[in-house]
Amino acid sequence: MTTAGDGPWLDEAAGRLVRPFTVSNGRTRPTIVFDLLSHVMATGATPLGYLGPEHAQALDLCRAPVSVAEVAAHLKLPAVVTKVLLSDLVDCGALTTKPPEFHHNPTDRALLEAVLDGLRRQL
């Protein structure tokens, strides 16, 4: 029989301890309109006020231009939560955003497969 002090309470297989929407304080709408293929990049400005650890992780990922989808994949968060975090960083001047350079059909199968292949290569 194991007691509470005998070993780790949780191991890495247990997964995230905080629900994803807790990270965004329950917000589901970003203040900025992002496309999954929009690029974000750190401006070098220091964010004012307190930002959570996920904000810091996102900002660290954005040292070079990166897509919103890639940030979500690296953070292992839903895209909508990632968009809220990124919009917080844009609002405080720590990030800049650029829409995709082309217009696309969001249901284009070839495009969706290309995005999925790119995400798989990153993980």
PDB file of N, CA and C in Angstrom:
ATOM      1  N   MET A   1       0.839  -1.191   0.000  1.00  0.00           N
ATOM      2  CA  MET A   1       0.000   0.000   0.000  1.00  0.00           C
ATOM      3  C   MET A   1       0.875   1.243   0.000  1.00  0.00           C
ATOM      4  N   THR A   2       0.518   2.185  -0.808  1.00  0.00           N
ATOM      5  CA  THR A   2       1.300   3.405  -0.935  1.00  0.00           C
ATOM      6  C   THR A   2       0.595   4.535  -0.196  1.00  0.00           C
ATOM      7  N   THR A   3       1.391   5.337   0.471  1.00  0.00           N
ATOM      8  CA  THR A   3       0.828   6.519   1.127  1.00  0.00           C
ATOM      9  C   THR A   3       1.207   7.748   0.324  1.00  0.00           C
ATOM     10  N   ALA A   4       0.614   8.866   0.677  1.00  0.00           N
ATOM     11  CA  ALA A   4       0.826  10.103  -0.085  1.00  0.00           C
ATOM     12  C   ALA A   4       2.279  10.513  -0.143  1.00  0.00           C
ATOM     13  N   GLY A   5       3.064  10.201   0.871  1.00  0.00           N
ATOM     14  CA  GLY A   5       4.456  10.626   0.898  1.00  0.00           C
ATOM     15  C   GLY A   5       5.417   9.652   0.261  1.00  0.00           C
ATOM     16  N   ASP A   6       4.929   8.502  -0.227  1.00  0.00           N
ATOM     17  CA  ASP A   6       5.803   7.469  -0.767  1.00  0.00           C
ATOM     18  C   ASP A   6       6.340   7.753  -2.158  1.00  0.00           C
ATOM     19  N   GLY A   7       5.731   8.589  -2.903  1.00  0.00           N
ATOM     20  CA  GLY A   7       6.194   8.812  -4.269  1.00  0.00           C
ATOM     21  C   GLY A   7       5.566  10.052  -4.843  1.00  0.00           C
ATOM     22  N   PRO A   8       5.836  10.284  -6.110  1.00  0.00           N
ATOM     23  CA  PRO A   8       5.267  11.479  -6.731  1.00  0.00           C
ATOM     24  C   PRO A   8       3.747  11.387  -6.786  1.00  0.00           C
ATOM     25  N   TRP A   9       3.117  12.501  -6.516  1.00  0.00           N
ATOM     26  CA  TRP A   9       1.661  12.539  -6.530  1.00  0.00           C
ATOM     27  C   TRP A   9       1.139  12.349  -7.949  1.00  0.00           C
ATOM     28  N   LEU A  10       1.816  12.967  -8.908  1.00  0.00           N
ATOM     29  CA  LEU A  10       1.468  12.802 -10.315  1.00  0.00           C
ATOM     30  C   LEU A  10       2.737  12.621 -11.121  1.00  0.00           C
ATOM     31  N   ASP A  11       2.641  11.877 -12.183  1.00  0.00           N
ATOM     32  CA  ASP A  11       3.793  11.760 -13.079  1.00  0.00           C
ATOM     33  C   ASP A  11       3.470  12.474 -14.386  1.00  0.00           C
ATOM     34  N   GLU A  12       4.407  12.497 -15.305  1.00  0.00           N
ATOM     35  CA  GLU A  12       4.211  13.217 -16.561  1.00  0.00           C
ATOM     36  C   GLU A  12       3.066  12.656 -17.383  1.00  0.00           C
ATOM     37  N   ALA A  13       2.748  11.385 -17.199  1.00  0.00           N
ATOM     38  CA  ALA A  13       1.664  10.773 -17.961  1.00  0.00           C
ATOM     39  C   ALA A  13       0.306  11.336 -17.559  1.00  0.00           C
ATOM     40  N   ALA A  14       0.237  11.987 -16.410  1.00  0.00           N
ATOM     41  CA  ALA A  14      -1.036  12.541 -15.949  1.00  0.00           C
ATOM     42  C   ALA A  14      -1.475  13.724 -16.796  1.00  0.00           C
ATOM     43  N   GLY A  15      -0.537  14.401 -17.423  1.00  0.00           N
ATOM     44  CA  GLY A  15      -0.885  15.513 -18.291  1.00  0.00           C
ATOM     45  C   GLY A  15      -1.018  16.835 -17.564  1.00  0.00           C
ATOM     46  N   ARG A  16      -1.611  17.788 -18.263  1.00  0.00           N
ATOM     47  CA  ARG A  16      -1.771  19.153 -17.772  1.00  0.00           C
ATOM     48  C   ARG A  16      -2.648  19.166 -16.530  1.00  0.00           C
ATOM     49  N   LEU A  17      -2.193  19.900 -15.502  1.00  0.00           N
ATOM     50  CA  LEU A  17      -2.952  20.019 -14.267  1.00  0.00           C
ATOM     51  C   LEU A  17      -3.989  21.132 -14.324  1.00  0.00           C
ATOM     52  N   VAL A  18      -3.767  22.099 -15.184  1.00  0.00           N
ATOM     53  CA  VAL A  18      -4.662  23.246 -15.303  1.00  0.00           C
ATOM     54  C   VAL A  18      -5.452  23.104 -16.590  1.00  0.00           C
ATOM     55  N   ARG A  19      -6.750  23.267 -16.512  1.00  0.00           N
ATOM     56  CA  ARG A  19      -7.589  23.182 -17.704  1.00  0.00           C
ATOM     57  C   ARG A  19      -7.219  24.311 -18.669  1.00  0.00           C
ATOM     58  N   PRO A  20      -7.242  24.047 -19.977  1.00  0.00           N
ATOM     59  CA  PRO A  20      -6.809  25.050 -20.947  1.00  0.00           C
ATOM     60  C   PRO A  20      -7.501  26.406 -20.812  1.00  0.00           C
ATOM     61  N   PHE A  21      -8.810  26.421 -20.551  1.00  0.00           N
ATOM     62  CA  PHE A  21      -9.499  27.705 -20.508  1.00  0.00           C
ATOM     63  C   PHE A  21      -9.223  28.469 -19.214  1.00  0.00           C
ATOM     64  N   THR A  22      -8.597  27.806 -18.254  1.00  0.00           N
ATOM     65  CA  THR A  22      -8.140  28.509 -17.059  1.00  0.00           C
ATOM     66  C   THR A  22      -6.959  29.403 -17.426  1.00  0.00           C
ATOM     67  N   VAL A  23      -6.168  28.955 -18.372  1.00  0.00           N
ATOM     68  CA  VAL A  23      -4.998  29.708 -18.837  1.00  0.00           C
ATOM     69  C   VAL A  23      -5.420  31.070 -19.383  1.00  0.00           C
ATOM     70  N   SER A  24      -6.577  31.121 -20.044  1.00  0.00           N
ATOM     71  CA  SER A  24      -7.063  32.378 -20.625  1.00  0.00           C
ATOM     72  C   SER A  24      -8.112  33.049 -19.735  1.00  0.00           C
ATOM     73  N   ASN A  25      -8.150  32.653 -18.479  1.00  0.00           N
ATOM     74  CA  ASN A  25      -9.139  33.192 -17.525  1.00  0.00           C
ATOM     75  C   ASN A  25     -10.565  33.019 -18.029  1.00  0.00           C
ATOM     76  N   GLY A  26     -10.806  31.921 -18.722  1.00  0.00           N
ATOM     77  CA  GLY A  26     -12.142  31.616 -19.219  1.00  0.00           C
ATOM     78  C   GLY A  26     -12.537  32.369 -20.477  1.00  0.00           C
ATOM     79  N   ARG A  27     -11.656  33.229 -20.976  1.00  0.00           N
ATOM     80  CA  ARG A  27     -11.973  33.992 -22.188  1.00  0.00           C
ATOM     81  C   ARG A  27     -11.852  33.098 -23.412  1.00  0.00           C
ATOM     82  N   THR A  28     -12.780  33.249 -24.315  1.00  0.00           N
ATOM     83  CA  THR A  28     -12.761  32.447 -25.538  1.00  0.00           C
ATOM     84  C   THR A  28     -12.693  33.307 -26.794  1.00  0.00           C
ATOM     85  N   ARG A  29     -12.640  34.625 -26.617  1.00  0.00           N
ATOM     86  CA  ARG A  29     -12.575  35.526 -27.765  1.00  0.00           C
ATOM     87  C   ARG A  29     -11.354  36.433 -27.643  1.00  0.00           C
ATOM     88  N   PRO A  30     -10.422  36.284 -28.573  1.00  0.00           N
ATOM     89  CA  PRO A  30      -9.267  37.195 -28.567  1.00  0.00           C
ATOM     90  C   PRO A  30      -9.681  38.596 -28.994  1.00  0.00           C
ATOM     91  N   THR A  31      -8.913  39.576 -28.597  1.00  0.00           N
ATOM     92  CA  THR A  31      -9.205  40.958 -28.978  1.00  0.00           C
ATOM     93  C   THR A  31      -8.713  41.265 -30.384  1.00  0.00           C
ATOM     94  N   ILE A  32      -7.885  40.404 -30.943  1.00  0.00           N
ATOM     95  CA  ILE A  32      -7.335  40.545 -32.289  1.00  0.00           C
ATOM     96  C   ILE A  32      -7.840  39.360 -33.117  1.00  0.00           C
ATOM     97  N   VAL A  33      -8.142  39.599 -34.372  1.00  0.00           N
ATOM     98  CA  VAL A  33      -8.562  38.503 -35.257  1.00  0.00           C
ATOM     99  C   VAL A  33      -7.320  37.839 -35.819  1.00  0.00           C
ATOM    100  N   PHE A  34      -7.147  36.566 -35.483  1.00  0.00           N
ATOM    101  CA  PHE A  34      -6.020  35.781 -35.981  1.00  0.00           C
ATOM    102  C   PHE A  34      -6.519  34.683 -36.901  1.00  0.00           C
ATOM    103  N   ASP A  35      -5.762  34.417 -37.920  1.00  0.00           N
ATOM    104  CA  ASP A  35      -5.934  33.243 -38.761  1.00  0.00           C
ATOM    105  C   ASP A  35      -4.924  32.235 -38.219  1.00  0.00           C
ATOM    106  N   LEU A  36      -5.165  30.953 -38.362  1.00  0.00           N
ATOM    107  CA  LEU A  36      -4.190  29.974 -37.885  1.00  0.00           C
ATOM    108  C   LEU A  36      -2.844  30.121 -38.579  1.00  0.00           C
ATOM    109  N   LEU A  37      -2.856  30.691 -39.787  1.00  0.00           N
ATOM    110  CA  LEU A  37      -1.615  30.866 -40.529  1.00  0.00           C
ATOM    111  C   LEU A  37      -1.013  32.254 -40.346  1.00  0.00           C
ATOM    112  N   SER A  38      -1.660  33.116 -39.542  1.00  0.00           N
ATOM    113  CA  SER A  38      -1.089  34.431 -39.245  1.00  0.00           C
ATOM    114  C   SER A  38       0.246  34.247 -38.547  1.00  0.00           C
ATOM    115  N   HIS A  39       1.166  35.147 -38.833  1.00  0.00           N
ATOM    116  CA  HIS A  39       2.469  35.090 -38.175  1.00  0.00           C
ATOM    117  C   HIS A  39       2.522  36.101 -37.038  1.00  0.00           C
ATOM    118  N   VAL A  40       3.172  35.699 -35.959  1.00  0.00           N
ATOM    119  CA  VAL A  40       3.398  36.587 -34.826  1.00  0.00           C
ATOM    120  C   VAL A  40       4.890  36.610 -34.544  1.00  0.00           C
ATOM    121  N   MET A  41       5.348  37.755 -34.030  1.00  0.00           N
ATOM    122  CA  MET A  41       6.769  37.896 -33.721  1.00  0.00           C
ATOM    123  C   MET A  41       6.931  38.874 -32.567  1.00  0.00           C
ATOM    124  N   ALA A  42       7.871  38.556 -31.681  1.00  0.00           N
ATOM    125  CA  ALA A  42       8.153  39.420 -30.536  1.00  0.00           C
ATOM    126  C   ALA A  42       8.709  40.747 -31.017  1.00  0.00           C
ATOM    127  N   THR A  43       8.302  41.823 -30.345  1.00  0.00           N
ATOM    128  CA  THR A  43       8.776  43.162 -30.697  1.00  0.00           C
ATOM    129  C   THR A  43      10.020  43.549 -29.907  1.00  0.00           C
ATOM    130  N   GLY A  44      10.266  42.847 -28.813  1.00  0.00           N
ATOM    131  CA  GLY A  44      11.377  43.198 -27.941  1.00  0.00           C
ATOM    132  C   GLY A  44      10.939  44.074 -26.778  1.00  0.00           C
ATOM    133  N   ALA A  45       9.695  44.574 -26.830  1.00  0.00           N
ATOM    134  CA  ALA A  45       9.164  45.392 -25.738  1.00  0.00           C
ATOM    135  C   ALA A  45       8.809  44.492 -24.557  1.00  0.00           C
ATOM    136  N   THR A  46       9.052  44.992 -23.365  1.00  0.00           N
ATOM    137  CA  THR A  46       8.717  44.250 -22.155  1.00  0.00           C
ATOM    138  C   THR A  46       7.243  44.461 -21.838  1.00  0.00           C
ATOM    139  N   PRO A  47       6.490  43.363 -21.683  1.00  0.00           N
ATOM    140  CA  PRO A  47       5.065  43.510 -21.359  1.00  0.00           C
ATOM    141  C   PRO A  47       4.890  44.171 -19.991  1.00  0.00           C
ATOM    142  N   LEU A  48       3.928  45.068 -19.906  1.00  0.00           N
ATOM    143  CA  LEU A  48       3.623  45.707 -18.633  1.00  0.00           C
ATOM    144  C   LEU A  48       2.588  44.870 -17.892  1.00  0.00           C
ATOM    145  N   GLY A  49       2.702  44.807 -16.580  1.00  0.00           N
ATOM    146  CA  GLY A  49       1.741  44.058 -15.784  1.00  0.00           C
ATOM    147  C   GLY A  49       2.083  42.586 -15.742  1.00  0.00           C
ATOM    148  N   TYR A  50       1.272  41.849 -14.995  1.00  0.00           N
ATOM    149  CA  TYR A  50       1.520  40.424 -14.827  1.00  0.00           C
ATOM    150  C   TYR A  50       0.945  39.639 -15.993  1.00  0.00           C
ATOM    151  N   LEU A  51       1.750  38.772 -16.531  1.00  0.00           N
ATOM    152  CA  LEU A  51       1.289  37.805 -17.520  1.00  0.00           C
ATOM    153  C   LEU A  51       1.648  36.426 -16.993  1.00  0.00           C
ATOM    154  N   GLY A  52       0.835  35.459 -17.267  1.00  0.00           N
ATOM    155  CA  GLY A  52       1.055  34.110 -16.759  1.00  0.00           C
ATOM    156  C   GLY A  52       2.219  33.404 -17.427  1.00  0.00           C
ATOM    157  N   PRO A  53       2.558  32.230 -16.913  1.00  0.00           N
ATOM    158  CA  PRO A  53       3.676  31.473 -17.487  1.00  0.00           C
ATOM    159  C   PRO A  53       3.451  31.066 -18.941  1.00  0.00           C
ATOM    160  N   GLU A  54       2.212  30.833 -19.313  1.00  0.00           N
ATOM    161  CA  GLU A  54       1.926  30.472 -20.701  1.00  0.00           C
ATOM    162  C   GLU A  54       2.197  31.647 -21.633  1.00  0.00           C
ATOM    163  N   HIS A  55       1.932  32.871 -21.152  1.00  0.00           N
ATOM    164  CA  HIS A  55       2.258  34.061 -21.941  1.00  0.00           C
ATOM    165  C   HIS A  55       3.769  34.121 -22.184  1.00  0.00           C
ATOM    166  N   ALA A  56       4.528  33.857 -21.131  1.00  0.00           N
ATOM    167  CA  ALA A  56       5.993  33.893 -21.255  1.00  0.00           C
ATOM    168  C   ALA A  56       6.476  32.819 -22.222  1.00  0.00           C
ATOM    169  N   GLN A  57       5.883  31.634 -22.168  1.00  0.00           N
ATOM    170  CA  GLN A  57       6.265  30.561 -23.088  1.00  0.00           C
ATOM    171  C   GLN A  57       5.939  30.957 -24.525  1.00  0.00           C
ATOM    172  N   ALA A  58       4.758  31.533 -24.729  1.00  0.00           N
ATOM    173  CA  ALA A  58       4.364  31.960 -26.080  1.00  0.00           C
ATOM    174  C   ALA A  58       5.311  33.035 -26.594  1.00  0.00           C
ATOM    175  N   LEU A  59       5.632  33.984 -25.742  1.00  0.00           N
ATOM    176  CA  LEU A  59       6.538  35.065 -26.146  1.00  0.00           C
ATOM    177  C   LEU A  59       7.910  34.512 -26.513  1.00  0.00           C
ATOM    178  N   ASP A  60       8.374  33.531 -25.768  1.00  0.00           N
ATOM    179  CA  ASP A  60       9.665  32.909 -26.054  1.00  0.00           C
ATOM    180  C   ASP A  60       9.643  32.207 -27.417  1.00  0.00           C
ATOM    181  N   LEU A  61       8.524  31.584 -27.755  1.00  0.00           N
ATOM    182  CA  LEU A  61       8.398  30.903 -29.048  1.00  0.00           C
ATOM    183  C   LEU A  61       8.384  31.881 -30.221  1.00  0.00           C
ATOM    184  N   CYS A  62       8.047  33.130 -29.942  1.00  0.00           N
ATOM    185  CA  CYS A  62       7.859  34.126 -31.007  1.00  0.00           C
ATOM    186  C   CYS A  62       9.087  35.000 -31.246  1.00  0.00           C
ATOM    187  N   ARG A  63      10.247  34.537 -30.837  1.00  0.00           N
ATOM    188  CA  ARG A  63      11.468  35.321 -31.090  1.00  0.00           C
ATOM    189  C   ARG A  63      11.703  35.496 -32.591  1.00  0.00           C
ATOM    190  N   ALA A  64      11.288  34.514 -33.364  1.00  0.00           N
ATOM    191  CA  ALA A  64      11.321  34.588 -34.832  1.00  0.00           C
ATOM    192  C   ALA A  64       9.873  34.458 -35.300  1.00  0.00           C
ATOM    193  N   PRO A  65       9.556  34.920 -36.504  1.00  0.00           N
ATOM    194  CA  PRO A  65       8.169  34.797 -36.972  1.00  0.00           C
ATOM    195  C   PRO A  65       7.696  33.348 -36.936  1.00  0.00           C
ATOM    196  N   VAL A  66       6.521  33.149 -36.386  1.00  0.00           N
ATOM    197  CA  VAL A  66       5.950  31.810 -36.250  1.00  0.00           C
ATOM    198  C   VAL A  66       4.438  31.917 -36.419  1.00  0.00           C
ATOM    199  N   SER A  67       3.819  30.866 -36.945  1.00  0.00           N
ATOM    200  CA  SER A  67       2.371  30.902 -37.153  1.00  0.00           C
ATOM    201  C   SER A  67       1.633  30.628 -35.844  1.00  0.00           C
ATOM    202  N   VAL A  68       0.416  31.091 -35.789  1.00  0.00           N
ATOM    203  CA  VAL A  68      -0.436  30.859 -34.620  1.00  0.00           C
ATOM    204  C   VAL A  68      -0.605  29.356 -34.393  1.00  0.00           C
ATOM    205  N   ALA A  69      -0.767  28.598 -35.465  1.00  0.00           N
ATOM    206  CA  ALA A  69      -0.933  27.143 -35.352  1.00  0.00           C
ATOM    207  C   ALA A  69       0.298  26.489 -34.719  1.00  0.00           C
ATOM    208  N   GLU A  70       1.483  26.953 -35.090  1.00  0.00           N
ATOM    209  CA  GLU A  70       2.707  26.395 -34.515  1.00  0.00           C
ATOM    210  C   GLU A  70       2.825  26.712 -33.028  1.00  0.00           C
ATOM    211  N   VAL A  71       2.467  27.925 -32.640  1.00  0.00           N
ATOM    212  CA  VAL A  71       2.515  28.295 -31.232  1.00  0.00           C
ATOM    213  C   VAL A  71       1.562  27.400 -30.439  1.00  0.00           C
ATOM    214  N   ALA A  72       0.349  27.205 -30.955  1.00  0.00           N
ATOM    215  CA  ALA A  72      -0.634  26.348 -30.281  1.00  0.00           C
ATOM    216  C   ALA A  72      -0.102  24.925 -30.130  1.00  0.00           C
ATOM    217  N   ALA A  73       0.534  24.419 -31.172  1.00  0.00           N
ATOM    218  CA  ALA A  73       1.076  23.060 -31.116  1.00  0.00           C
ATOM    219  C   ALA A  73       2.185  22.946 -30.081  1.00  0.00           C
ATOM    220  N   HIS A  74       3.077  23.919 -30.041  1.00  0.00           N
ATOM    221  CA  HIS A  74       4.175  23.877 -29.068  1.00  0.00           C
ATOM    222  C   HIS A  74       3.675  24.031 -27.639  1.00  0.00           C
ATOM    223  N   LEU A  75       2.673  24.857 -27.432  1.00  0.00           N
ATOM    224  CA  LEU A  75       2.125  25.057 -26.092  1.00  0.00           C
ATOM    225  C   LEU A  75       1.184  23.925 -25.678  1.00  0.00           C
ATOM    226  N   LYS A  76       0.782  23.116 -26.658  1.00  0.00           N
ATOM    227  CA  LYS A  76      -0.172  22.025 -26.425  1.00  0.00           C
ATOM    228  C   LYS A  76      -1.476  22.567 -25.842  1.00  0.00           C
ATOM    229  N   LEU A  77      -1.931  23.669 -26.450  1.00  0.00           N
ATOM    230  CA  LEU A  77      -3.177  24.312 -26.059  1.00  0.00           C
ATOM    231  C   LEU A  77      -4.095  24.399 -27.267  1.00  0.00           C
ATOM    232  N   PRO A  78      -5.410  24.453 -27.034  1.00  0.00           N
ATOM    233  CA  PRO A  78      -6.327  24.662 -28.162  1.00  0.00           C
ATOM    234  C   PRO A  78      -6.026  25.992 -28.857  1.00  0.00           C
ATOM    235  N   ALA A  79      -6.306  26.050 -30.134  1.00  0.00           N
ATOM    236  CA  ALA A  79      -6.008  27.253 -30.916  1.00  0.00           C
ATOM    237  C   ALA A  79      -6.707  28.481 -30.347  1.00  0.00           C
ATOM    238  N   VAL A  80      -7.953  28.355 -29.899  1.00  0.00           N
ATOM    239  CA  VAL A  80      -8.677  29.521 -29.387  1.00  0.00           C
ATOM    240  C   VAL A  80      -8.019  30.061 -28.118  1.00  0.00           C
ATOM    241  N   VAL A  81      -7.521  29.196 -27.258  1.00  0.00           N
ATOM    242  CA  VAL A  81      -6.830  29.645 -26.048  1.00  0.00           C
ATOM    243  C   VAL A  81      -5.520  30.327 -26.429  1.00  0.00           C
ATOM    244  N   THR A  82      -4.809  29.755 -27.377  1.00  0.00           N
ATOM    245  CA  THR A  82      -3.563  30.349 -27.855  1.00  0.00           C
ATOM    246  C   THR A  82      -3.813  31.720 -28.461  1.00  0.00           C
ATOM    247  N   LYS A  83      -4.888  31.864 -29.216  1.00  0.00           N
ATOM    248  CA  LYS A  83      -5.223  33.163 -29.815  1.00  0.00           C
ATOM    249  C   LYS A  83      -5.486  34.206 -28.735  1.00  0.00           C
ATOM    250  N   VAL A  84      -6.133  33.818 -27.637  1.00  0.00           N
ATOM    251  CA  VAL A  84      -6.381  34.759 -26.541  1.00  0.00           C
ATOM    252  C   VAL A  84      -5.057  35.191 -25.921  1.00  0.00           C
ATOM    253  N   LEU A  85      -4.147  34.225 -25.673  1.00  0.00           N
ATOM    254  CA  LEU A  85      -2.839  34.557 -25.102  1.00  0.00           C
ATOM    255  C   LEU A  85      -2.059  35.491 -26.021  1.00  0.00           C
ATOM    256  N   LEU A  86      -2.053  35.175 -27.310  1.00  0.00           N
ATOM    257  CA  LEU A  86      -1.321  36.002 -28.272  1.00  0.00           C
ATOM    258  C   LEU A  86      -1.935  37.397 -28.387  1.00  0.00           C
ATOM    259  N   SER A  87      -3.263  37.485 -28.322  1.00  0.00           N
ATOM    260  CA  SER A  87      -3.888  38.812 -28.400  1.00  0.00           C
ATOM    261  C   SER A  87      -3.538  39.648 -27.173  1.00  0.00           C
ATOM    262  N   ASP A  88      -3.405  39.006 -26.004  1.00  0.00           N
ATOM    263  CA  ASP A  88      -2.944  39.727 -24.812  1.00  0.00           C
ATOM    264  C   ASP A  88      -1.562  40.326 -25.052  1.00  0.00           C
ATOM    265  N   LEU A  89      -0.691  39.543 -25.680  1.00  0.00           N
ATOM    266  CA  LEU A  89       0.675  39.990 -25.938  1.00  0.00           C
ATOM    267  C   LEU A  89       0.726  41.084 -27.007  1.00  0.00           C
ATOM    268  N   VAL A  90      -0.153  41.014 -27.998  1.00  0.00           N
ATOM    269  CA  VAL A  90      -0.233  42.089 -28.999  1.00  0.00           C
ATOM    270  C   VAL A  90      -0.761  43.355 -28.337  1.00  0.00           C
ATOM    271  N   ASP A  91      -1.782  43.208 -27.491  1.00  0.00           N
ATOM    272  CA  ASP A  91      -2.383  44.365 -26.817  1.00  0.00           C
ATOM    273  C   ASP A  91      -1.379  45.119 -25.944  1.00  0.00           C
ATOM    274  N   CYS A  92      -0.438  44.395 -25.340  1.00  0.00           N
ATOM    275  CA  CYS A  92       0.528  45.078 -24.471  1.00  0.00           C
ATOM    276  C   CYS A  92       1.807  45.454 -25.216  1.00  0.00           C
ATOM    277  N   GLY A  93       1.833  45.247 -26.535  1.00  0.00           N
ATOM    278  CA  GLY A  93       2.958  45.690 -27.354  1.00  0.00           C
ATOM    279  C   GLY A  93       4.128  44.736 -27.418  1.00  0.00           C
ATOM    280  N   ALA A  94       3.991  43.537 -26.847  1.00  0.00           N
ATOM    281  CA  ALA A  94       5.100  42.579 -26.846  1.00  0.00           C
ATOM    282  C   ALA A  94       5.189  41.773 -28.136  1.00  0.00           C
ATOM    283  N   LEU A  95       4.093  41.697 -28.889  1.00  0.00           N
ATOM    284  CA  LEU A  95       4.062  40.953 -30.156  1.00  0.00           C
ATOM    285  C   LEU A  95       3.501  41.838 -31.252  1.00  0.00           C
ATOM    286  N   THR A  96       3.893  41.501 -32.459  1.00  0.00           N
ATOM    287  CA  THR A  96       3.288  42.096 -33.645  1.00  0.00           C
ATOM    288  C   THR A  96       2.743  40.945 -34.484  1.00  0.00           C
ATOM    289  N   THR A  97       1.747  41.211 -35.274  1.00  0.00           N
ATOM    290  CA  THR A  97       1.126  40.153 -36.066  1.00  0.00           C
ATOM    291  C   THR A  97       1.051  40.560 -37.532  1.00  0.00           C
ATOM    292  N   LYS A  98       1.061  39.555 -38.372  1.00  0.00           N
ATOM    293  CA  LYS A  98       0.980  39.767 -39.816  1.00  0.00           C
ATOM    294  C   LYS A  98       0.064  38.687 -40.384  1.00  0.00           C
ATOM    295  N   PRO A  99      -0.959  39.089 -41.149  1.00  0.00           N
ATOM    296  CA  PRO A  99      -1.846  38.076 -41.735  1.00  0.00           C
ATOM    297  C   PRO A  99      -1.105  37.246 -42.778  1.00  0.00           C
ATOM    298  N   PRO A 100      -1.647  36.092 -43.129  1.00  0.00           N
ATOM    299  CA  PRO A 100      -1.004  35.286 -44.180  1.00  0.00           C
ATOM    300  C   PRO A 100      -0.880  36.089 -45.465  1.00  0.00           C
ATOM    301  N   GLU A 101       0.147  35.803 -46.237  1.00  0.00           N
ATOM    302  CA  GLU A 101       0.415  36.563 -47.461  1.00  0.00           C
ATOM    303  C   GLU A 101      -0.461  36.152 -48.631  1.00  0.00           C
ATOM    304  N   PHE A 102      -1.322  35.202 -48.434  1.00  0.00           N
ATOM    305  CA  PHE A 102      -2.189  34.754 -49.515  1.00  0.00           C
ATOM    306  C   PHE A 102      -3.584  34.536 -48.956  1.00  0.00           C
ATOM    307  N   HIS A 103      -4.538  34.573 -49.849  1.00  0.00           N
ATOM    308  CA  HIS A 103      -5.920  34.275 -49.458  1.00  0.00           C
ATOM    309  C   HIS A 103      -6.149  32.808 -49.729  1.00  0.00           C
ATOM    310  N   HIS A 104      -6.819  32.183 -48.806  1.00  0.00           N
ATOM    311  CA  HIS A 104      -7.010  30.753 -48.966  1.00  0.00           C
ATOM    312  C   HIS A 104      -8.440  30.366 -48.631  1.00  0.00           C
ATOM    313  N   ASN A 105      -8.793  29.216 -49.090  1.00  0.00           N
ATOM    314  CA  ASN A 105     -10.077  28.627 -48.759  1.00  0.00           C
ATOM    315  C   ASN A 105      -9.841  27.759 -47.520  1.00  0.00           C
ATOM    316  N   PRO A 106     -10.432  28.101 -46.358  1.00  0.00           N
ATOM    317  CA  PRO A 106     -10.138  27.352 -45.135  1.00  0.00           C
ATOM    318  C   PRO A 106     -10.557  25.892 -45.187  1.00  0.00           C
ATOM    319  N   THR A 107     -11.341  25.510 -46.182  1.00  0.00           N
ATOM    320  CA  THR A 107     -11.723  24.106 -46.293  1.00  0.00           C
ATOM    321  C   THR A 107     -10.977  23.401 -47.415  1.00  0.00           C
ATOM    322  N   ASP A 108      -9.952  24.041 -47.970  1.00  0.00           N
ATOM    323  CA  ASP A 108      -9.150  23.443 -49.030  1.00  0.00           C
ATOM    324  C   ASP A 108      -8.373  22.264 -48.453  1.00  0.00           C
ATOM    325  N   ARG A 109      -8.673  21.080 -48.908  1.00  0.00           N
ATOM    326  CA  ARG A 109      -8.080  19.861 -48.356  1.00  0.00           C
ATOM    327  C   ARG A 109      -6.553  19.861 -48.470  1.00  0.00           C
ATOM    328  N   ALA A 110      -6.028  20.300 -49.593  1.00  0.00           N
ATOM    329  CA  ALA A 110      -4.577  20.307 -49.795  1.00  0.00           C
ATOM    330  C   ALA A 110      -3.897  21.228 -48.781  1.00  0.00           C
ATOM    331  N   LEU A 111      -4.500  22.389 -48.538  1.00  0.00           N
ATOM    332  CA  LEU A 111      -3.930  23.315 -47.561  1.00  0.00           C
ATOM    333  C   LEU A 111      -3.967  22.715 -46.160  1.00  0.00           C
ATOM    334  N   LEU A 112      -5.097  22.131 -45.775  1.00  0.00           N
ATOM    335  CA  LEU A 112      -5.213  21.525 -44.452  1.00  0.00           C
ATOM    336  C   LEU A 112      -4.212  20.379 -44.266  1.00  0.00           C
ATOM    337  N   GLU A 113      -4.003  19.588 -45.309  1.00  0.00           N
ATOM    338  CA  GLU A 113      -3.031  18.501 -45.227  1.00  0.00           C
ATOM    339  C   GLU A 113      -1.611  19.047 -45.101  1.00  0.00           C
ATOM    340  N   ALA A 114      -1.317  20.135 -45.797  1.00  0.00           N
ATOM    341  CA  ALA A 114       0.014  20.750 -45.705  1.00  0.00           C
ATOM    342  C   ALA A 114       0.260  21.286 -44.297  1.00  0.00           C
ATOM    343  N   VAL A 115      -0.735  21.911 -43.710  1.00  0.00           N
ATOM    344  CA  VAL A 115      -0.602  22.411 -42.334  1.00  0.00           C
ATOM    345  C   VAL A 115      -0.395  21.252 -41.371  1.00  0.00           C
ATOM    346  N   LEU A 116      -1.174  20.198 -41.525  1.00  0.00           N
ATOM    347  CA  LEU A 116      -1.043  19.024 -40.665  1.00  0.00           C
ATOM    348  C   LEU A 116       0.338  18.391 -40.808  1.00  0.00           C
ATOM    349  N   ASP A 117       0.833  18.272 -42.030  1.00  0.00           N
ATOM    350  CA  ASP A 117       2.177  17.718 -42.247  1.00  0.00           C
ATOM    351  C   ASP A 117       3.237  18.580 -41.569  1.00  0.00           C
ATOM    352  N   GLY A 118       3.099  19.904 -41.689  1.00  0.00           N
ATOM    353  CA  GLY A 118       4.047  20.814 -41.051  1.00  0.00           C
ATOM    354  C   GLY A 118       4.029  20.688 -39.533  1.00  0.00           C
ATOM    355  N   LEU A 119       2.857  20.574 -38.964  1.00  0.00           N
ATOM    356  CA  LEU A 119       2.742  20.398 -37.508  1.00  0.00           C
ATOM    357  C   LEU A 119       3.357  19.088 -37.061  1.00  0.00           C
ATOM    358  N   ARG A 120       3.126  18.036 -37.825  1.00  0.00           N
ATOM    359  CA  ARG A 120       3.712  16.729 -37.472  1.00  0.00           C
ATOM    360  C   ARG A 120       5.238  16.772 -37.510  1.00  0.00           C
ATOM    361  N   ARG A 121       5.800  17.509 -38.465  1.00  0.00           N
ATOM    362  CA  ARG A 121       7.256  17.622 -38.539  1.00  0.00           C
ATOM    363  C   ARG A 121       7.809  18.368 -37.343  1.00  0.00           C
ATOM    364  N   GLN A 122       7.036  19.314 -36.801  1.00  0.00           N
ATOM    365  CA  GLN A 122       7.498  20.114 -35.666  1.00  0.00           C
ATOM    366  C   GLN A 122       7.434  19.332 -34.344  1.00  0.00           C
ATOM    367  N   LEU A 123       6.575  18.359 -34.267  1.00  0.00           N
ATOM    368  CA  LEU A 123       6.398  17.636 -32.998  1.00  0.00           C
ATOM    369  C   LEU A 123       7.109  16.339 -32.968  1.00  0.00           C
TER     370      LEU A 123
END
